[in-house]
Each structure stands twice: as structure tokens, then as C-alpha cells.
Amino acid sequence: MKKVVFLGDFNVDLILDGLEAAAVPDREVGCASFDIAMGASSCIAACAYASLGGSAWAGGLSGPDDFGRFMRDGLQECGVRTDMMRIDPSLKTGVTVNLVRDGARIQVTWPGSMGKFSLADIPDGLLDGMAHLHVSGIYHAKALLPQVSDLLARAAATGATCSLDCQWDPAGRWEHLEEWLPRIDWLFANADEARSMTGRAGPADALRALADRTRCPVIKNGAAGASVMADGRRVDQPAPRVEVVDTIGAGDNFDAGFLYAAIEMGMAPPDAVRAANAAAGRSCTFRGGTLARSTWQDVISFMGRLP
């Protein structure tokens, strides 16, 4: 197995599902369920990659609190290596509150330790011998944000490939993105993110615009599937039809499915997207982002549901 390192965000998800009404100021609203789950795009992707059978290593910074222990224990339970993660006794671990009503989510994030994570918290041993570096959720990792270009350069110098799923930029400025795009092998973005990044109205136009700036952009379109531009050719792949329980972490499971298919199975991007759609679809049939624990055989079986 090839060593794949996951860096970026690190936080717990608090999920309040089934809101009885829309959340508005100065009004209390009830909900149907409450869960504490593993959050953070990079952590969910690492768990999914390890479950598929890959060698996943996580880097990050947490506090010594219960949320930090919850995250580290969860990563280890999924088979992710965490021995090079740092704990800072002066910090608290970050939290994202998910307010879910009729399948739509409002997410509120307090970055905590995630906002302090920087290159200084990444030991050299974490990057040694890696085959691939995946960076995600970067716009909440404020200290690391201006250092990502250096991080990608270090990875490239070792011969590693790189991927990026920066998630939504709350400021809408997409700082440093133009520095990163030429340095990465695969870019993952959902349709809204791609439109905001490029200023293009539709995902197809956004995909073409991104293909002019990075090697292999992949746009995730939810229930409509995903599209990839590789070697100048656009390929649209459909998603499976599933009874959705929860969409939290589906995009991160998609990333892991694509990376495992490409890195370990040697699949070309269109086929890797097909596998990624299956991984994301199966994730949607479980609560939270990490409970699917899909193996590669699960993904292969689920691909039988694809149109």
C-alpha cells in the first residue's frame, strides 16, 4: 500500500437533525435527533481511504480535551495513523454545528485548534515516503492557508502527487487558489464551489475554466453525479439512486474513493470518478461521514447500482 497523507481541517461535528422549523433569531426550535460525530473534511476522507484498504496518515492539531480525544480515537478505530498529530494544551479542538432540516444543512464552525495548525506542526516524518498528499478544508485552517504552496512544493519535491478539496471559502475570495492550481494533480470541488471559483454560471462552463488552470478538475454534482476533465475530454458520470439517510461527508467519501481508485487500483480519471460516485452514494445511506466504513469490495458491489 502507498502512504497517503491527509492534512487540513480537524474538528468535531455536532449534528442537530430534523429541525421542526427554520432557525430564525430569538426563536427556539426543536429537532428530532442529536449526534456527535467525526467531522473535518480531511479526517473523514482519511477514514474512508483507510476503510477502503489504503494506508492513510493524518496530520493535525488538537486540544487535550474530550473532542480532541474523540477525533483521534475515531481516526485510529478507522485504521488511520495518528501518531504524528500534535496536541497543544493551550488550545481547544474545533467544532462544527450542523443544523439539518429537510436534507438542507446550515453549518457553523468555530475553528479552535484548526485555525492555529501550521507547517510548524507537521513533523518531517509525516511527509517522508508518502506517495500522495491530500489537502482539504483549508479555509478554516487560517495559519496553514498562506503556507499551502510551500507544502505542495515539498510534496512535489519528493515525487508525491497532490490533490486539493479546499471546501467553501466563507469570504468568497478563494485566496491563494491560483497559486495552488498548477501544483496539484486532482482538484475536487462541488458545483457551487466551482461556480464561485470561476465566476461561471454552470458547472460545465466552470469545469472548462478550471481545466485551463489545473491538470484534472473534478466537479461533484450531488445526486446528478460528477464530471471530470482529463486530457482535454469531459466525462460525466451518473450517481447511484439511494435512499438518503445523511449527506454529511459524502463529498469526502467521494474524494477517498477517487484517490483509492487512482492511486491503488491505477484507474484512469473517468473510471475513478465512477468508483467515487459509488463510495459517496453508499456513504449517504449511513448517518454521519464515517459510519459507512466502505471496503473496496463494497464500492465494487455498489457500482452495480450505477446507471
Protein backbone atom coordinates (compact mmCIF):
# COMPACT_ATOMS: atom_id res chain seq x y z
CA MET A 1 0.00 0.00 0.00
CA LYS A 2 1.14 3.53 -0.79
CA LYS A 3 1.34 6.08 2.01
CA VAL A 4 -1.27 8.84 1.62
CA VAL A 5 -1.21 11.85 3.97
CA PHE A 6 -4.34 13.86 4.80
CA LEU A 7 -3.93 17.43 6.07
CA GLY A 8 -6.17 20.43 6.66
CA ASP A 9 -9.15 20.69 8.99
CA PHE A 10 -9.68 18.83 12.30
CA ASN A 11 -12.95 19.28 14.20
CA VAL A 12 -15.95 17.50 15.71
CA ASP A 13 -19.42 17.61 14.11
CA LEU A 14 -22.43 18.31 16.31
CA ILE A 15 -25.48 17.28 14.25
CA LEU A 16 -28.98 18.52 15.08
CA ASP A 17 -31.25 16.82 12.56
CA GLY A 18 -34.93 17.14 11.76
CA LEU A 19 -35.41 20.78 12.77
CA GLU A 20 -39.12 21.38 13.34
CA ALA A 21 -38.94 24.83 11.74
CA ALA A 22 -36.41 27.11 10.13
CA ALA A 23 -33.88 28.58 12.55
CA VAL A 24 -34.53 32.30 12.99
CA PRO A 25 -33.18 34.84 15.53
CA ASP A 26 -34.72 34.84 19.01
CA ARG A 27 -36.83 31.74 18.37
CA GLU A 28 -36.19 28.37 19.94
CA VAL A 29 -36.72 25.39 17.64
CA GLY A 30 -36.78 21.68 18.41
CA CYS A 31 -35.14 18.87 16.46
CA ALA A 32 -35.65 15.15 16.02
CA SER A 33 -32.13 13.92 16.84
CA PHE A 34 -28.71 14.94 18.08
CA ASP A 35 -25.37 13.25 17.38
CA ILE A 36 -21.71 13.91 17.99
CA ALA A 37 -19.74 12.62 15.02
CA MET A 38 -16.31 12.85 13.48
CA GLY A 39 -16.08 15.99 11.40
CA ALA A 40 -13.50 17.71 9.22
CA SER A 41 -13.14 17.01 5.53
CA SER A 42 -9.56 15.75 5.81
CA CYS A 43 -10.39 13.39 8.70
CA ILE A 44 -13.50 11.92 7.07
CA ALA A 45 -11.58 11.38 3.82
CA ALA A 46 -8.72 9.73 5.73
CA CYS A 47 -11.14 7.36 7.49
CA ALA A 48 -12.83 6.47 4.21
CA TYR A 49 -9.48 5.87 2.50
CA ALA A 50 -8.30 3.57 5.30
CA SER A 51 -11.60 1.65 5.23
CA LEU A 52 -11.16 1.07 1.50
CA GLY A 53 -7.87 -0.64 2.31
CA GLY A 54 -5.36 2.18 1.89
CA SER A 55 -2.54 3.41 4.12
CA ALA A 56 -3.87 6.71 5.49
CA TRP A 57 -1.90 9.05 7.72
CA ALA A 58 -3.43 12.14 9.34
CA GLY A 59 -1.78 15.36 10.40
CA GLY A 60 -3.44 17.96 12.57
CA LEU A 61 -3.54 19.93 15.78
CA SER A 62 -5.99 19.45 18.64
CA GLY A 63 -6.52 20.42 22.22
CA PRO A 64 -6.20 17.94 25.13
CA ASP A 65 -10.00 17.97 25.50
CA ASP A 66 -12.69 15.32 25.04
CA PHE A 67 -13.39 16.42 21.47
CA GLY A 68 -9.73 16.00 20.54
CA ARG A 69 -9.61 12.53 22.08
CA PHE A 70 -12.88 11.65 20.35
CA MET A 71 -11.39 12.59 16.97
CA ARG A 72 -8.06 10.81 17.49
CA ASP A 73 -9.74 7.67 18.80
CA GLY A 74 -12.15 7.68 15.86
CA LEU A 75 -9.35 8.02 13.32
CA GLN A 76 -7.41 5.17 14.93
CA GLU A 77 -10.52 2.98 15.01
CA CYS A 78 -10.86 3.50 11.26
CA GLY A 79 -7.23 2.44 10.75
CA VAL A 80 -5.71 5.90 10.23
CA ARG A 81 -2.21 6.57 11.58
CA THR A 82 -2.35 9.46 14.07
CA ASP A 83 0.94 9.15 15.94
CA MET A 84 2.31 12.33 14.33
CA MET A 85 -0.64 14.54 15.24
CA ARG A 86 0.12 17.31 17.75
CA ILE A 87 -1.76 18.16 20.95
CA ASP A 88 -1.44 21.72 22.28
CA PRO A 89 -2.55 22.03 25.93
CA SER A 90 -3.32 25.73 25.44
CA LEU A 91 -5.93 25.13 22.71
CA LYS A 92 -9.44 23.74 22.33
CA THR A 93 -10.44 21.42 19.48
CA GLY A 94 -12.65 22.96 16.78
CA VAL A 95 -16.38 22.32 16.42
CA THR A 96 -18.90 22.47 13.56
CA VAL A 97 -22.61 22.65 14.40
CA ASN A 98 -24.82 21.17 11.66
CA LEU A 99 -28.46 22.31 11.61
CA VAL A 100 -30.35 19.96 9.28
CA ARG A 101 -33.90 20.42 8.02
CA ASP A 102 -35.44 18.52 5.09
CA GLY A 103 -31.98 17.45 3.95
CA ALA A 104 -30.61 21.01 3.81
CA ARG A 105 -27.79 21.99 6.16
CA ILE A 106 -26.64 25.15 7.87
CA GLN A 107 -23.10 24.72 9.20
CA VAL A 108 -21.47 26.96 11.80
CA THR A 109 -17.79 26.34 12.54
CA TRP A 110 -15.63 27.50 15.42
CA PRO A 111 -12.09 26.66 14.20
CA GLY A 112 -10.35 26.36 17.56
CA SER A 113 -7.04 24.48 17.19
CA MET A 114 -7.72 24.03 13.48
CA GLY A 115 -7.13 27.76 12.95
CA LYS A 116 -3.69 27.53 14.60
CA PHE A 117 -2.42 24.49 12.65
CA SER A 118 0.65 25.36 10.54
CA LEU A 119 3.71 23.86 8.86
CA ALA A 120 5.45 24.01 12.23
CA ASP A 121 3.01 21.35 13.45
CA ILE A 122 3.87 18.93 10.62
CA PRO A 123 6.87 16.71 11.52
CA ASP A 124 9.18 15.74 8.67
CA GLY A 125 8.47 12.09 9.35
CA LEU A 126 4.82 12.56 8.37
CA LEU A 127 5.77 13.50 4.82
CA ASP A 128 8.65 11.01 4.45
CA GLY A 129 7.93 8.27 1.94
CA MET A 130 4.46 9.46 1.06
CA ALA A 131 3.05 8.71 -2.38
CA HIS A 132 0.28 11.29 -2.21
CA LEU A 133 -0.76 14.39 -0.25
CA HIS A 134 -4.43 15.37 0.09
CA VAL A 135 -5.25 18.82 1.49
CA SER A 136 -8.81 19.79 2.35
CA GLY A 137 -10.94 22.18 4.38
CA ILE A 138 -8.15 24.70 4.11
CA TYR A 139 -10.11 27.95 4.52
CA HIS A 140 -10.73 27.25 8.20
CA ALA A 141 -7.02 26.47 8.76
CA LYS A 142 -6.03 30.14 8.73
CA ALA A 143 -2.41 29.67 9.83
CA LEU A 144 -1.74 26.98 7.22
CA LEU A 145 -3.53 28.82 4.41
CA PRO A 146 -0.58 31.00 3.25
CA GLN A 147 1.79 28.03 3.62
CA VAL A 148 -0.03 25.57 1.36
CA SER A 149 2.05 26.48 -1.70
CA ASP A 150 5.23 25.62 0.22
CA LEU A 151 3.62 22.39 1.42
CA LEU A 152 2.68 21.38 -2.13
CA ALA A 153 6.20 22.21 -3.32
CA ARG A 154 7.68 19.99 -0.61
CA ALA A 155 5.40 17.17 -1.63
CA ALA A 156 6.27 17.54 -5.31
CA ALA A 157 9.98 17.54 -4.47
CA THR A 158 9.58 14.04 -3.01
CA GLY A 159 7.81 12.82 -6.15
CA ALA A 160 4.40 12.66 -4.46
CA THR A 161 1.20 13.54 -6.27
CA CYS A 162 -1.17 16.08 -4.70
CA SER A 163 -4.90 16.70 -4.51
CA LEU A 164 -6.98 19.53 -3.10
CA ASP A 165 -10.55 19.86 -1.86
CA CYS A 166 -10.48 23.31 -0.33
CA GLN A 167 -14.20 23.29 0.56
CA TRP A 168 -16.15 26.54 0.66
CA ASP A 169 -14.35 29.83 1.27
CA PRO A 170 -16.64 31.75 3.67
CA ALA A 171 -15.10 35.01 2.44
CA GLY A 172 -15.70 34.08 -1.21
CA ARG A 173 -12.25 35.33 -2.21
CA TRP A 174 -10.53 31.96 -2.82
CA GLU A 175 -7.22 33.33 -1.59
CA HIS A 176 -4.09 31.61 -2.95
CA LEU A 177 -6.14 29.30 -5.19
CA GLU A 178 -4.33 30.49 -8.32
CA GLU A 179 -1.01 29.56 -6.68
CA TRP A 180 -2.24 26.06 -5.86
CA LEU A 181 -3.99 25.01 -9.06
CA PRO A 182 -0.86 24.48 -11.20
CA ARG A 183 0.75 22.44 -8.40
CA ILE A 184 -1.96 19.81 -7.91
CA ASP A 185 -2.83 16.67 -9.84
CA TRP A 186 -6.51 16.49 -8.89
CA LEU A 187 -8.89 19.25 -7.80
CA PHE A 188 -12.19 18.30 -6.15
CA ALA A 189 -14.99 20.87 -5.87
CA ASN A 190 -18.76 20.78 -5.70
CA ALA A 191 -20.81 22.67 -8.27
CA ASP A 192 -21.40 25.75 -6.09
CA GLU A 193 -17.72 25.99 -5.19
CA ALA A 194 -16.68 25.61 -8.83
CA ARG A 195 -19.07 28.35 -9.95
CA SER A 196 -17.79 30.68 -7.24
CA MET A 197 -14.15 29.90 -8.04
CA THR A 198 -14.57 30.66 -11.73
CA GLY A 199 -17.44 33.12 -11.94
CA ARG A 200 -19.14 30.83 -14.45
CA ALA A 201 -22.89 30.21 -14.26
CA GLY A 202 -22.99 26.48 -14.97
CA PRO A 203 -20.88 23.52 -13.80
CA ALA A 204 -19.92 22.59 -17.38
CA ASP A 205 -18.50 26.06 -18.04
CA ALA A 206 -16.83 26.06 -14.62
CA LEU A 207 -15.21 22.70 -15.39
CA ARG A 208 -13.78 24.01 -18.66
CA ALA A 209 -12.47 27.14 -16.92
CA LEU A 210 -10.77 25.08 -14.23
CA ALA A 211 -9.28 22.73 -16.82
CA ASP A 212 -7.38 25.73 -18.19
CA ARG A 213 -5.78 26.24 -14.79
CA THR A 214 -5.20 22.78 -13.30
CA ARG A 215 -4.41 19.26 -14.56
CA CYS A 216 -7.55 17.33 -13.69
CA PRO A 217 -10.55 19.09 -12.15
CA VAL A 218 -13.44 17.02 -10.80
CA ILE A 219 -16.81 18.64 -10.07
CA LYS A 220 -19.25 16.91 -7.72
CA ASN A 221 -22.92 17.46 -8.60
CA GLY A 222 -24.62 15.54 -5.79
CA ALA A 223 -27.48 13.34 -6.99
CA ALA A 224 -26.61 14.24 -10.60
CA GLY A 225 -23.22 12.55 -10.31
CA ALA A 226 -19.85 14.10 -11.14
CA SER A 227 -17.84 15.37 -14.09
CA VAL A 228 -14.13 15.22 -14.82
CA MET A 229 -11.92 16.87 -17.40
CA ALA A 230 -8.90 14.74 -18.26
CA ASP A 231 -6.65 15.02 -21.32
CA GLY A 232 -8.96 17.66 -22.75
CA ARG A 233 -12.03 15.41 -22.61
CA ARG A 234 -15.06 15.96 -20.39
CA VAL A 235 -16.72 12.86 -18.96
CA ASP A 236 -19.97 12.92 -16.96
CA GLN A 237 -20.60 10.01 -14.63
CA PRO A 238 -24.03 9.37 -13.01
CA ALA A 239 -24.61 8.81 -9.31
CA PRO A 240 -26.43 5.79 -7.86
CA ARG A 241 -30.02 6.19 -6.73
CA VAL A 242 -30.17 5.66 -2.98
CA GLU A 243 -32.46 6.23 -0.03
CA VAL A 244 -30.57 9.12 1.56
CA VAL A 245 -30.12 8.99 5.33
CA ASP A 246 -27.50 11.73 5.61
CA THR A 247 -25.30 13.57 3.10
CA ILE A 248 -22.70 14.67 5.66
CA GLY A 249 -19.26 13.55 4.48
CA ALA A 250 -20.48 12.26 1.11
CA GLY A 251 -18.07 14.54 -0.74
CA ASP A 252 -15.17 13.38 1.42
CA ASN A 253 -16.05 9.74 0.77
CA PHE A 254 -16.10 10.68 -2.91
CA ASP A 255 -12.57 12.07 -2.65
CA ALA A 256 -11.34 8.93 -0.88
CA GLY A 257 -12.99 6.66 -3.44
CA PHE A 258 -11.41 8.57 -6.32
CA LEU A 259 -7.96 8.61 -4.71
CA TYR A 260 -8.00 4.91 -3.84
CA ALA A 261 -9.17 4.01 -7.35
CA ALA A 262 -6.48 6.16 -8.95
CA ILE A 263 -3.56 5.52 -6.58
CA GLU A 264 -4.01 1.89 -5.56
CA MET A 265 -6.04 0.49 -8.46
CA GLY A 266 -4.44 2.55 -11.24
CA MET A 267 -7.80 3.65 -12.70
CA ALA A 268 -8.00 6.49 -15.23
CA PRO A 269 -9.92 9.58 -14.01
CA PRO A 270 -13.30 8.72 -15.64
CA ASP A 271 -13.29 5.27 -14.04
CA ALA A 272 -12.06 6.68 -10.73
CA VAL A 273 -14.99 9.11 -10.75
CA ARG A 274 -17.37 6.20 -11.26
CA ALA A 275 -15.92 4.46 -8.20
CA ALA A 276 -16.04 7.74 -6.27
CA ASN A 277 -19.75 8.14 -7.05
CA ALA A 278 -20.37 4.67 -5.64
CA ALA A 279 -18.41 5.45 -2.46
CA ALA A 280 -20.31 8.73 -1.98
CA GLY A 281 -23.67 7.11 -2.68
CA ARG A 282 -23.08 4.34 -0.15
CA SER A 283 -22.00 6.91 2.44
CA CYS A 284 -25.37 8.66 2.05
CA THR A 285 -27.14 5.54 3.35
CA PHE A 286 -25.45 5.94 6.77
CA ARG A 287 -25.59 8.61 9.47
CA GLY A 288 -22.55 10.91 9.55
CA GLY A 289 -19.47 10.83 7.37
CA THR A 290 -17.56 7.83 8.74
CA LEU A 291 -20.09 5.12 9.63
CA ALA A 292 -20.29 3.59 6.14
CA ARG A 293 -16.77 2.10 6.57
CA SER A 294 -16.90 1.07 2.90
CA THR A 295 -14.37 -1.51 1.77
CA TRP A 296 -13.21 -1.61 -1.84
CA GLN A 297 -15.43 -4.65 -2.35
CA ASP A 298 -18.39 -2.63 -1.03
CA VAL A 299 -17.64 0.03 -3.62
CA ILE A 300 -17.37 -2.52 -6.41
CA SER A 301 -20.73 -4.01 -5.36
CA PHE A 302 -22.33 -0.58 -5.12
CA MET A 303 -21.09 0.29 -8.62
CA GLY A 304 -23.67 -2.26 -9.80
CA ARG A 305 -26.32 0.34 -8.88
CA LEU A 306 -24.85 2.94 -11.21
CA PRO A 307 -26.81 3.63 -14.41
